[in-house]
Amino acid sequence: MPTTTIRLDDDLKERISAAADLAGKTAHAFIVDAIARTVDQVEAEEELHRIAEKRWAKLLVTGNSVPWDDAKKYLAARGRGERPVKPTARKLEHRWADDAD
């Protein structure tokens, strides 16, 4: 396994050591876990952005979307443990604020 060297200021090094002790880990294991969690988070965020871009592109092509009120009701019911029917996407009439004269 290759080795990577990082430079830490004294304060951060002490904080890592204290946090590692609290977590019951060595400083090395604590740092490796922190890096792995950060990499996982960045990868998950990138995947979320990829999905959002794909859905946005589909919305622009089809013009179909689920109204926010329908989506909000669906999500609230799911949060309560219910199994509601998914709202149906449909073409929405959209008035931009600039158009409201």
PDB file of N, CA and C in Angstrom:
ATOM      1  N   MET A   1       0.854  -1.170   0.000  1.00  0.00           N
ATOM      2  CA  MET A   1       0.000   0.000   0.000  1.00  0.00           C
ATOM      3  C   MET A   1       0.904   1.237   0.000  1.00  0.00           C
ATOM      4  N   PRO A   2       0.646   2.174  -0.931  1.00  0.00           N
ATOM      5  CA  PRO A   2       1.491   3.368  -0.988  1.00  0.00           C
ATOM      6  C   PRO A   2       1.272   4.278   0.219  1.00  0.00           C
ATOM      7  N   THR A   3       2.260   5.093   0.485  1.00  0.00           N
ATOM      8  CA  THR A   3       2.206   6.038   1.604  1.00  0.00           C
ATOM      9  C   THR A   3       2.044   7.444   1.056  1.00  0.00           C
ATOM     10  N   THR A   4       1.202   8.238   1.712  1.00  0.00           N
ATOM     11  CA  THR A   4       1.017   9.644   1.381  1.00  0.00           C
ATOM     12  C   THR A   4       1.343  10.462   2.612  1.00  0.00           C
ATOM     13  N   THR A   5       2.089  11.506   2.424  1.00  0.00           N
ATOM     14  CA  THR A   5       2.455  12.377   3.542  1.00  0.00           C
ATOM     15  C   THR A   5       1.603  13.633   3.483  1.00  0.00           C
ATOM     16  N   ILE A   6       1.062  14.016   4.633  1.00  0.00           N
ATOM     17  CA  ILE A   6       0.332  15.281   4.718  1.00  0.00           C
ATOM     18  C   ILE A   6       0.937  16.103   5.853  1.00  0.00           C
ATOM     19  N   ARG A   7       0.873  17.402   5.685  1.00  0.00           N
ATOM     20  CA  ARG A   7       1.368  18.289   6.731  1.00  0.00           C
ATOM     21  C   ARG A   7       0.181  18.866   7.481  1.00  0.00           C
ATOM     22  N   LEU A   8       0.227  18.764   8.790  1.00  0.00           N
ATOM     23  CA  LEU A   8      -0.839  19.275   9.644  1.00  0.00           C
ATOM     24  C   LEU A   8      -0.254  20.293  10.603  1.00  0.00           C
ATOM     25  N   ASP A   9      -0.999  21.380  10.833  1.00  0.00           N
ATOM     26  CA  ASP A   9      -0.502  22.299  11.857  1.00  0.00           C
ATOM     27  C   ASP A   9      -0.698  21.638  13.218  1.00  0.00           C
ATOM     28  N   ASP A  10       0.029  22.111  14.200  1.00  0.00           N
ATOM     29  CA  ASP A  10       0.031  21.472  15.522  1.00  0.00           C
ATOM     30  C   ASP A  10      -1.358  21.394  16.139  1.00  0.00           C
ATOM     31  N   ASP A  11      -2.133  22.482  15.987  1.00  0.00           N
ATOM     32  CA  ASP A  11      -3.472  22.505  16.580  1.00  0.00           C
ATOM     33  C   ASP A  11      -4.352  21.406  15.982  1.00  0.00           C
ATOM     34  N   LEU A  12      -4.349  21.284  14.653  1.00  0.00           N
ATOM     35  CA  LEU A  12      -5.172  20.262  14.014  1.00  0.00           C
ATOM     36  C   LEU A  12      -4.691  18.872  14.387  1.00  0.00           C
ATOM     37  N   LYS A  13      -3.390  18.685  14.456  1.00  0.00           N
ATOM     38  CA  LYS A  13      -2.849  17.379  14.834  1.00  0.00           C
ATOM     39  C   LYS A  13      -3.317  16.987  16.237  1.00  0.00           C
ATOM     40  N   GLU A  14      -3.323  17.933  17.154  1.00  0.00           N
ATOM     41  CA  GLU A  14      -3.796  17.661  18.517  1.00  0.00           C
ATOM     42  C   GLU A  14      -5.289  17.360  18.529  1.00  0.00           C
ATOM     43  N   ARG A  15      -6.043  18.110  17.738  1.00  0.00           N
ATOM     44  CA  ARG A  15      -7.490  17.874  17.661  1.00  0.00           C
ATOM     45  C   ARG A  15      -7.787  16.493  17.091  1.00  0.00           C
ATOM     46  N   ILE A  16      -7.046  16.101  16.069  1.00  0.00           N
ATOM     47  CA  ILE A  16      -7.227  14.769  15.478  1.00  0.00           C
ATOM     48  C   ILE A  16      -6.913  13.698  16.513  1.00  0.00           C
ATOM     49  N   SER A  17      -5.830  13.877  17.230  1.00  0.00           N
ATOM     50  CA  SER A  17      -5.434  12.902  18.243  1.00  0.00           C
ATOM     51  C   SER A  17      -6.516  12.762  19.317  1.00  0.00           C
ATOM     52  N   ALA A  18      -7.036  13.896  19.776  1.00  0.00           N
ATOM     53  CA  ALA A  18      -8.081  13.873  20.810  1.00  0.00           C
ATOM     54  C   ALA A  18      -9.361  13.227  20.273  1.00  0.00           C
ATOM     55  N   ALA A  19      -9.749  13.591  19.052  1.00  0.00           N
ATOM     56  CA  ALA A  19     -10.953  13.016  18.464  1.00  0.00           C
ATOM     57  C   ALA A  19     -10.784  11.518  18.220  1.00  0.00           C
ATOM     58  N   ALA A  20      -9.615  11.112  17.782  1.00  0.00           N
ATOM     59  CA  ALA A  20      -9.343   9.690  17.556  1.00  0.00           C
ATOM     60  C   ALA A  20      -9.454   8.918  18.868  1.00  0.00           C
ATOM     61  N   ASP A  21      -8.907   9.495  19.947  1.00  0.00           N
ATOM     62  CA  ASP A  21      -9.020   8.845  21.262  1.00  0.00           C
ATOM     63  C   ASP A  21     -10.488   8.676  21.647  1.00  0.00           C
ATOM     64  N   LEU A  22     -11.281   9.729  21.438  1.00  0.00           N
ATOM     65  CA  LEU A  22     -12.710   9.656  21.773  1.00  0.00           C
ATOM     66  C   LEU A  22     -13.418   8.589  20.944  1.00  0.00           C
ATOM     67  N   ALA A  23     -12.986   8.425  19.696  1.00  0.00           N
ATOM     68  CA  ALA A  23     -13.599   7.440  18.803  1.00  0.00           C
ATOM     69  C   ALA A  23     -13.026   6.039  19.012  1.00  0.00           C
ATOM     70  N   GLY A  24     -11.999   5.940  19.858  1.00  0.00           N
ATOM     71  CA  GLY A  24     -11.382   4.635  20.107  1.00  0.00           C
ATOM     72  C   GLY A  24     -10.564   4.141  18.928  1.00  0.00           C
ATOM     73  N   LYS A  25      -9.945   5.071  18.210  1.00  0.00           N
ATOM     74  CA  LYS A  25      -9.154   4.715  17.030  1.00  0.00           C
ATOM     75  C   LYS A  25      -7.775   5.327  17.145  1.00  0.00           C
ATOM     76  N   THR A  26      -6.879   4.824  16.324  1.00  0.00           N
ATOM     77  CA  THR A  26      -5.584   5.488  16.204  1.00  0.00           C
ATOM     78  C   THR A  26      -5.792   6.738  15.351  1.00  0.00           C
ATOM     79  N   ALA A  27      -4.870   7.677  15.450  1.00  0.00           N
ATOM     80  CA  ALA A  27      -4.955   8.880  14.622  1.00  0.00           C
ATOM     81  C   ALA A  27      -4.934   8.496  13.143  1.00  0.00           C
ATOM     82  N   HIS A  28      -4.114   7.524  12.785  1.00  0.00           N
ATOM     83  CA  HIS A  28      -4.040   7.067  11.403  1.00  0.00           C
ATOM     84  C   HIS A  28      -5.406   6.554  10.926  1.00  0.00           C
ATOM     85  N   ALA A  29      -6.023   5.662  11.692  1.00  0.00           N
ATOM     86  CA  ALA A  29      -7.325   5.111  11.310  1.00  0.00           C
ATOM     87  C   ALA A  29      -8.376   6.211  11.236  1.00  0.00           C
ATOM     88  N   PHE A  30      -8.307   7.158  12.158  1.00  0.00           N
ATOM     89  CA  PHE A  30      -9.253   8.272  12.176  1.00  0.00           C
ATOM     90  C   PHE A  30      -9.129   9.096  10.894  1.00  0.00           C
ATOM     91  N   ILE A  31      -7.897   9.404  10.497  1.00  0.00           N
ATOM     92  CA  ILE A  31      -7.649  10.191   9.284  1.00  0.00           C
ATOM     93  C   ILE A  31      -8.099   9.434   8.042  1.00  0.00           C
ATOM     94  N   VAL A  32      -7.768   8.147   7.966  1.00  0.00           N
ATOM     95  CA  VAL A  32      -8.167   7.342   6.806  1.00  0.00           C
ATOM     96  C   VAL A  32      -9.692   7.286   6.710  1.00  0.00           C
ATOM     97  N   ASP A  33     -10.376   7.075   7.839  1.00  0.00           N
ATOM     98  CA  ASP A  33     -11.846   7.045   7.838  1.00  0.00           C
ATOM     99  C   ASP A  33     -12.424   8.395   7.402  1.00  0.00           C
ATOM    100  N   ALA A  34     -11.836   9.487   7.883  1.00  0.00           N
ATOM    101  CA  ALA A  34     -12.323  10.816   7.523  1.00  0.00           C
ATOM    102  C   ALA A  34     -12.162  11.066   6.026  1.00  0.00           C
ATOM    103  N   ILE A  35     -11.038  10.663   5.484  1.00  0.00           N
ATOM    104  CA  ILE A  35     -10.808  10.828   4.043  1.00  0.00           C
ATOM    105  C   ILE A  35     -11.794   9.968   3.256  1.00  0.00           C
ATOM    106  N   ALA A  36     -12.003   8.734   3.675  1.00  0.00           N
ATOM    107  CA  ALA A  36     -12.926   7.834   2.978  1.00  0.00           C
ATOM    108  C   ALA A  36     -14.348   8.400   3.009  1.00  0.00           C
ATOM    109  N   ARG A  37     -14.774   8.928   4.159  1.00  0.00           N
ATOM    110  CA  ARG A  37     -16.113   9.518   4.259  1.00  0.00           C
ATOM    111  C   ARG A  37     -16.242  10.735   3.341  1.00  0.00           C
ATOM    112  N   THR A  38     -15.205  11.541   3.273  1.00  0.00           N
ATOM    113  CA  THR A  38     -15.236  12.720   2.408  1.00  0.00           C
ATOM    114  C   THR A  38     -15.311  12.320   0.944  1.00  0.00           C
ATOM    115  N   VAL A  39     -14.528  11.324   0.558  1.00  0.00           N
ATOM    116  CA  VAL A  39     -14.573  10.835  -0.824  1.00  0.00           C
ATOM    117  C   VAL A  39     -15.962  10.286  -1.136  1.00  0.00           C
ATOM    118  N   ASP A  40     -16.541   9.490  -0.227  1.00  0.00           N
ATOM    119  CA  ASP A  40     -17.897   8.962  -0.416  1.00  0.00           C
ATOM    120  C   ASP A  40     -18.893  10.100  -0.601  1.00  0.00           C
ATOM    121  N   GLN A  41     -18.774  11.146   0.207  1.00  0.00           N
ATOM    122  CA  GLN A  41     -19.693  12.282   0.134  1.00  0.00           C
ATOM    123  C   GLN A  41     -19.574  13.004  -1.213  1.00  0.00           C
ATOM    124  N   VAL A  42     -18.362  13.241  -1.660  1.00  0.00           N
ATOM    125  CA  VAL A  42     -18.153  13.917  -2.945  1.00  0.00           C
ATOM    126  C   VAL A  42     -18.713  13.066  -4.086  1.00  0.00           C
ATOM    127  N   GLU A  43     -18.480  11.764  -4.038  1.00  0.00           N
ATOM    128  CA  GLU A  43     -18.997  10.881  -5.079  1.00  0.00           C
ATOM    129  C   GLU A  43     -20.531  10.860  -5.068  1.00  0.00           C
ATOM    130  N   ALA A  44     -21.134  10.832  -3.878  1.00  0.00           N
ATOM    131  CA  ALA A  44     -22.597  10.838  -3.774  1.00  0.00           C
ATOM    132  C   ALA A  44     -23.167  12.152  -4.295  1.00  0.00           C
ATOM    133  N   GLU A  45     -22.520  13.257  -3.985  1.00  0.00           N
ATOM    134  CA  GLU A  45     -22.981  14.557  -4.471  1.00  0.00           C
ATOM    135  C   GLU A  45     -22.874  14.630  -5.992  1.00  0.00           C
ATOM    136  N   GLU A  46     -21.802  14.092  -6.546  1.00  0.00           N
ATOM    137  CA  GLU A  46     -21.636  14.078  -8.002  1.00  0.00           C
ATOM    138  C   GLU A  46     -22.732  13.246  -8.651  1.00  0.00           C
ATOM    139  N   GLU A  47     -23.054  12.106  -8.059  1.00  0.00           N
ATOM    140  CA  GLU A  47     -24.133  11.265  -8.581  1.00  0.00           C
ATOM    141  C   GLU A  47     -25.465  12.004  -8.509  1.00  0.00           C
ATOM    142  N   LEU A  48     -25.714  12.705  -7.409  1.00  0.00           N
ATOM    143  CA  LEU A  48     -26.937  13.489  -7.272  1.00  0.00           C
ATOM    144  C   LEU A  48     -27.020  14.551  -8.368  1.00  0.00           C
ATOM    145  N   HIS A  49     -25.907  15.236  -8.625  1.00  0.00           N
ATOM    146  CA  HIS A  49     -25.886  16.255  -9.678  1.00  0.00           C
ATOM    147  C   HIS A  49     -26.121  15.629 -11.053  1.00  0.00           C
ATOM    148  N   ARG A  50     -25.552  14.450 -11.285  1.00  0.00           N
ATOM    149  CA  ARG A  50     -25.747  13.758 -12.558  1.00  0.00           C
ATOM    150  C   ARG A  50     -27.217  13.421 -12.765  1.00  0.00           C
ATOM    151  N   ILE A  51     -27.849  12.894 -11.721  1.00  0.00           N
ATOM    152  CA  ILE A  51     -29.271  12.547 -11.799  1.00  0.00           C
ATOM    153  C   ILE A  51     -30.114  13.803 -12.019  1.00  0.00           C
ATOM    154  N   ALA A  52     -29.802  14.873 -11.277  1.00  0.00           N
ATOM    155  CA  ALA A  52     -30.557  16.125 -11.414  1.00  0.00           C
ATOM    156  C   ALA A  52     -30.432  16.692 -12.825  1.00  0.00           C
ATOM    157  N   GLU A  53     -29.225  16.668 -13.381  1.00  0.00           N
ATOM    158  CA  GLU A  53     -29.020  17.180 -14.743  1.00  0.00           C
ATOM    159  C   GLU A  53     -29.810  16.353 -15.756  1.00  0.00           C
ATOM    160  N   LYS A  54     -29.814  15.034 -15.566  1.00  0.00           N
ATOM    161  CA  LYS A  54     -30.552  14.148 -16.466  1.00  0.00           C
ATOM    162  C   LYS A  54     -32.051  14.440 -16.388  1.00  0.00           C
ATOM    163  N   ARG A  55     -32.553  14.621 -15.172  1.00  0.00           N
ATOM    164  CA  ARG A  55     -33.983  14.907 -15.000  1.00  0.00           C
ATOM    165  C   ARG A  55     -34.342  16.287 -15.532  1.00  0.00           C
ATOM    166  N   TRP A  56     -33.459  17.260 -15.341  1.00  0.00           N
ATOM    167  CA  TRP A  56     -33.698  18.608 -15.854  1.00  0.00           C
ATOM    168  C   TRP A  56     -33.756  18.572 -17.382  1.00  0.00           C
ATOM    169  N   ALA A  57     -32.835  17.829 -18.000  1.00  0.00           N
ATOM    170  CA  ALA A  57     -32.840  17.714 -19.457  1.00  0.00           C
ATOM    171  C   ALA A  57     -34.143  17.082 -19.940  1.00  0.00           C
ATOM    172  N   LYS A  58     -34.625  16.071 -19.226  1.00  0.00           N
ATOM    173  CA  LYS A  58     -35.889  15.423 -19.595  1.00  0.00           C
ATOM    174  C   LYS A  58     -37.046  16.401 -19.454  1.00  0.00           C
ATOM    175  N   LEU A  59     -37.043  17.189 -18.399  1.00  0.00           N
ATOM    176  CA  LEU A  59     -38.089  18.191 -18.193  1.00  0.00           C
ATOM    177  C   LEU A  59     -38.103  19.194 -19.343  1.00  0.00           C
ATOM    178  N   LEU A  60     -36.920  19.642 -19.771  1.00  0.00           N
ATOM    179  CA  LEU A  60     -36.840  20.611 -20.859  1.00  0.00           C
ATOM    180  C   LEU A  60     -37.359  20.027 -22.169  1.00  0.00           C
ATOM    181  N   VAL A  61     -37.123  18.723 -22.395  1.00  0.00           N
ATOM    182  CA  VAL A  61     -37.574  18.081 -23.626  1.00  0.00           C
ATOM    183  C   VAL A  61     -39.076  17.818 -23.595  1.00  0.00           C
ATOM    184  N   THR A  62     -39.566  17.262 -22.494  1.00  0.00           N
ATOM    185  CA  THR A  62     -40.974  16.840 -22.435  1.00  0.00           C
ATOM    186  C   THR A  62     -41.905  17.928 -21.919  1.00  0.00           C
ATOM    187  N   GLY A  63     -41.392  18.797 -21.060  1.00  0.00           N
ATOM    188  CA  GLY A  63     -42.247  19.789 -20.416  1.00  0.00           C
ATOM    189  C   GLY A  63     -43.100  19.203 -19.310  1.00  0.00           C
ATOM    190  N   ASN A  64     -42.896  17.918 -18.995  1.00  0.00           N
ATOM    191  CA  ASN A  64     -43.688  17.253 -17.957  1.00  0.00           C
ATOM    192  C   ASN A  64     -43.005  17.366 -16.606  1.00  0.00           C
ATOM    193  N   SER A  65     -43.816  17.646 -15.605  1.00  0.00           N
ATOM    194  CA  SER A  65     -43.295  17.765 -14.251  1.00  0.00           C
ATOM    195  C   SER A  65     -44.411  17.454 -13.259  1.00  0.00           C
ATOM    196  N   VAL A  66     -44.028  17.190 -12.040  1.00  0.00           N
ATOM    197  CA  VAL A  66     -44.988  16.986 -10.962  1.00  0.00           C
ATOM    198  C   VAL A  66     -45.107  18.313 -10.212  1.00  0.00           C
ATOM    199  N   PRO A  67     -46.317  18.828 -10.068  1.00  0.00           N
ATOM    200  CA  PRO A  67     -46.473  20.083  -9.317  1.00  0.00           C
ATOM    201  C   PRO A  67     -45.940  19.928  -7.889  1.00  0.00           C
ATOM    202  N   TRP A  68     -45.349  21.001  -7.373  1.00  0.00           N
ATOM    203  CA  TRP A  68     -44.729  20.954  -6.053  1.00  0.00           C
ATOM    204  C   TRP A  68     -45.719  20.544  -4.976  1.00  0.00           C
ATOM    205  N   ASP A  69     -46.946  21.050  -5.025  1.00  0.00           N
ATOM    206  CA  ASP A  69     -47.921  20.688  -3.990  1.00  0.00           C
ATOM    207  C   ASP A  69     -48.202  19.183  -3.990  1.00  0.00           C
ATOM    208  N   ASP A  70     -48.286  18.587  -5.185  1.00  0.00           N
ATOM    209  CA  ASP A  70     -48.501  17.134  -5.272  1.00  0.00           C
ATOM    210  C   ASP A  70     -47.295  16.376  -4.723  1.00  0.00           C
ATOM    211  N   ALA A  71     -46.107  16.824  -5.101  1.00  0.00           N
ATOM    212  CA  ALA A  71     -44.884  16.166  -4.629  1.00  0.00           C
ATOM    213  C   ALA A  71     -44.762  16.292  -3.113  1.00  0.00           C
ATOM    214  N   LYS A  72     -45.076  17.475  -2.597  1.00  0.00           N
ATOM    215  CA  LYS A  72     -44.976  17.707  -1.151  1.00  0.00           C
ATOM    216  C   LYS A  72     -45.940  16.802  -0.376  1.00  0.00           C
ATOM    217  N   LYS A  73     -47.164  16.677  -0.862  1.00  0.00           N
ATOM    218  CA  LYS A  73     -48.140  15.797  -0.200  1.00  0.00           C
ATOM    219  C   LYS A  73     -47.667  14.336  -0.230  1.00  0.00           C
ATOM    220  N   TYR A  74     -47.129  13.921  -1.380  1.00  0.00           N
ATOM    221  CA  TYR A  74     -46.627  12.554  -1.521  1.00  0.00           C
ATOM    222  C   TYR A  74     -45.486  12.290  -0.537  1.00  0.00           C
ATOM    223  N   LEU A  75     -44.530  13.212  -0.483  1.00  0.00           N
ATOM    224  CA  LEU A  75     -43.383  13.035   0.406  1.00  0.00           C
ATOM    225  C   LEU A  75     -43.787  13.063   1.877  1.00  0.00           C
ATOM    226  N   ALA A  76     -44.739  13.919   2.228  1.00  0.00           N
ATOM    227  CA  ALA A  76     -45.214  13.967   3.613  1.00  0.00           C
ATOM    228  C   ALA A  76     -45.866  12.641   4.000  1.00  0.00           C
ATOM    229  N   ALA A  77     -46.671  12.088   3.099  1.00  0.00           N
ATOM    230  CA  ALA A  77     -47.317  10.800   3.381  1.00  0.00           C
ATOM    231  C   ALA A  77     -46.278   9.691   3.528  1.00  0.00           C
ATOM    232  N   ARG A  78     -45.263   9.705   2.644  1.00  0.00           N
ATOM    233  CA  ARG A  78     -44.184   8.706   2.769  1.00  0.00           C
ATOM    234  C   ARG A  78     -43.464   8.858   4.098  1.00  0.00           C
ATOM    235  N   GLY A  79     -43.260  10.103   4.533  1.00  0.00           N
ATOM    236  CA  GLY A  79     -42.597  10.363   5.807  1.00  0.00           C
ATOM    237  C   GLY A  79     -43.392   9.842   6.989  1.00  0.00           C
ATOM    238  N   ARG A  80     -44.701   9.774   6.828  1.00  0.00           N
ATOM    239  CA  ARG A  80     -45.562   9.232   7.891  1.00  0.00           C
ATOM    240  C   ARG A  80     -45.665   7.713   7.817  1.00  0.00           C
ATOM    241  N   GLY A  81     -44.963   7.106   6.859  1.00  0.00           N
ATOM    242  CA  GLY A  81     -44.974   5.652   6.726  1.00  0.00           C
ATOM    243  C   GLY A  81     -46.091   5.128   5.846  1.00  0.00           C
ATOM    244  N   GLU A  82     -46.828   6.024   5.204  1.00  0.00           N
ATOM    245  CA  GLU A  82     -47.906   5.605   4.316  1.00  0.00           C
ATOM    246  C   GLU A  82     -47.325   5.195   2.965  1.00  0.00           C
ATOM    247  N   ARG A  83     -48.153   4.569   2.145  1.00  0.00           N
ATOM    248  CA  ARG A  83     -47.736   4.161   0.799  1.00  0.00           C
ATOM    249  C   ARG A  83     -48.663   4.822  -0.228  1.00  0.00           C
ATOM    250  N   PRO A  84     -48.522   6.127  -0.411  1.00  0.00           N
ATOM    251  CA  PRO A  84     -49.408   6.821  -1.344  1.00  0.00           C
ATOM    252  C   PRO A  84     -49.054   6.509  -2.796  1.00  0.00           C
ATOM    253  N   VAL A  85     -49.999   6.756  -3.692  1.00  0.00           N
ATOM    254  CA  VAL A  85     -49.751   6.602  -5.127  1.00  0.00           C
ATOM    255  C   VAL A  85     -48.860   7.759  -5.563  1.00  0.00           C
ATOM    256  N   LYS A  86     -47.836   7.441  -6.370  1.00  0.00           N
ATOM    257  CA  LYS A  86     -46.935   8.484  -6.845  1.00  0.00           C
ATOM    258  C   LYS A  86     -47.712   9.467  -7.715  1.00  0.00           C
ATOM    259  N   PRO A  87     -47.440  10.759  -7.540  1.00  0.00           N
ATOM    260  CA  PRO A  87     -48.118  11.739  -8.399  1.00  0.00           C
ATOM    261  C   PRO A  87     -47.651  11.591  -9.847  1.00  0.00           C
ATOM    262  N   THR A  88     -48.525  11.906 -10.769  1.00  0.00           N
ATOM    263  CA  THR A  88     -48.237  11.763 -12.189  1.00  0.00           C
ATOM    264  C   THR A  88     -47.670  13.057 -12.754  1.00  0.00           C
ATOM    265  N   ALA A  89     -46.609  12.916 -13.522  1.00  0.00           N
ATOM    266  CA  ALA A  89     -46.037  14.077 -14.194  1.00  0.00           C
ATOM    267  C   ALA A  89     -46.963  14.489 -15.331  1.00  0.00           C
ATOM    268  N   ARG A  90     -47.073  15.802 -15.516  1.00  0.00           N
ATOM    269  CA  ARG A  90     -47.903  16.313 -16.603  1.00  0.00           C
ATOM    270  C   ARG A  90     -47.341  17.635 -17.091  1.00  0.00           C
ATOM    271  N   LYS A  91     -47.774  18.024 -18.259  1.00  0.00           N
ATOM    272  CA  LYS A  91     -47.332  19.310 -18.794  1.00  0.00           C
ATOM    273  C   LYS A  91     -47.880  20.401 -17.893  1.00  0.00           C
ATOM    274  N   LEU A  92     -47.016  21.272 -17.504  1.00  0.00           N
ATOM    275  CA  LEU A  92     -47.434  22.359 -16.619  1.00  0.00           C
ATOM    276  C   LEU A  92     -47.478  23.664 -17.393  1.00  0.00           C
ATOM    277  N   GLU A  93     -48.488  24.436 -17.107  1.00  0.00           N
ATOM    278  CA  GLU A  93     -48.535  25.798 -17.615  1.00  0.00           C
ATOM    279  C   GLU A  93     -47.741  26.621 -16.626  1.00  0.00           C
ATOM    280  N   HIS A  94     -46.752  27.312 -17.118  1.00  0.00           N
ATOM    281  CA  HIS A  94     -45.896  28.075 -16.202  1.00  0.00           C
ATOM    282  C   HIS A  94     -45.904  29.533 -16.596  1.00  0.00           C
ATOM    283  N   ARG A  95     -46.192  30.375 -15.632  1.00  0.00           N
ATOM    284  CA  ARG A  95     -46.136  31.819 -15.852  1.00  0.00           C
ATOM    285  C   ARG A  95     -44.962  32.359 -15.054  1.00  0.00           C
ATOM    286  N   TRP A  96     -44.042  32.943 -15.751  1.00  0.00           N
ATOM    287  CA  TRP A  96     -42.906  33.566 -15.087  1.00  0.00           C
ATOM    288  C   TRP A  96     -43.353  34.911 -14.514  1.00  0.00           C
ATOM    289  N   ALA A  97     -42.705  35.352 -13.487  1.00  0.00           N
ATOM    290  CA  ALA A  97     -43.044  36.620 -12.842  1.00  0.00           C
ATOM    291  C   ALA A  97     -43.033  37.763 -13.850  1.00  0.00           C
ATOM    292  N   ASP A  98     -42.103  37.730 -14.812  1.00  0.00           N
ATOM    293  CA  ASP A  98     -42.011  38.804 -15.814  1.00  0.00           C
ATOM    294  C   ASP A  98     -43.209  38.813 -16.748  1.00  0.00           C
ATOM    295  N   ASP A  99     -43.894  37.663 -16.901  1.00  0.00           N
ATOM    296  CA  ASP A  99     -45.036  37.557 -17.806  1.00  0.00           C
ATOM    297  C   ASP A  99     -46.337  38.039 -17.164  1.00  0.00           C
ATOM    298  N   ALA A 100     -46.331  38.207 -15.855  1.00  0.00           N
ATOM    299  CA  ALA A 100     -47.566  38.518 -15.126  1.00  0.00           C
ATOM    300  C   ALA A 100     -47.871  40.017 -15.166  1.00  0.00           C
ATOM    301  N   ASP A 101     -48.228  40.493 -16.341  1.00  0.00           N
ATOM    302  CA  ASP A 101     -48.581  41.916 -16.475  1.00  0.00           C
ATOM    303  C   ASP A 101     -50.055  42.105 -16.558  1.00  0.00           C
TER     304      ASP A 101
END
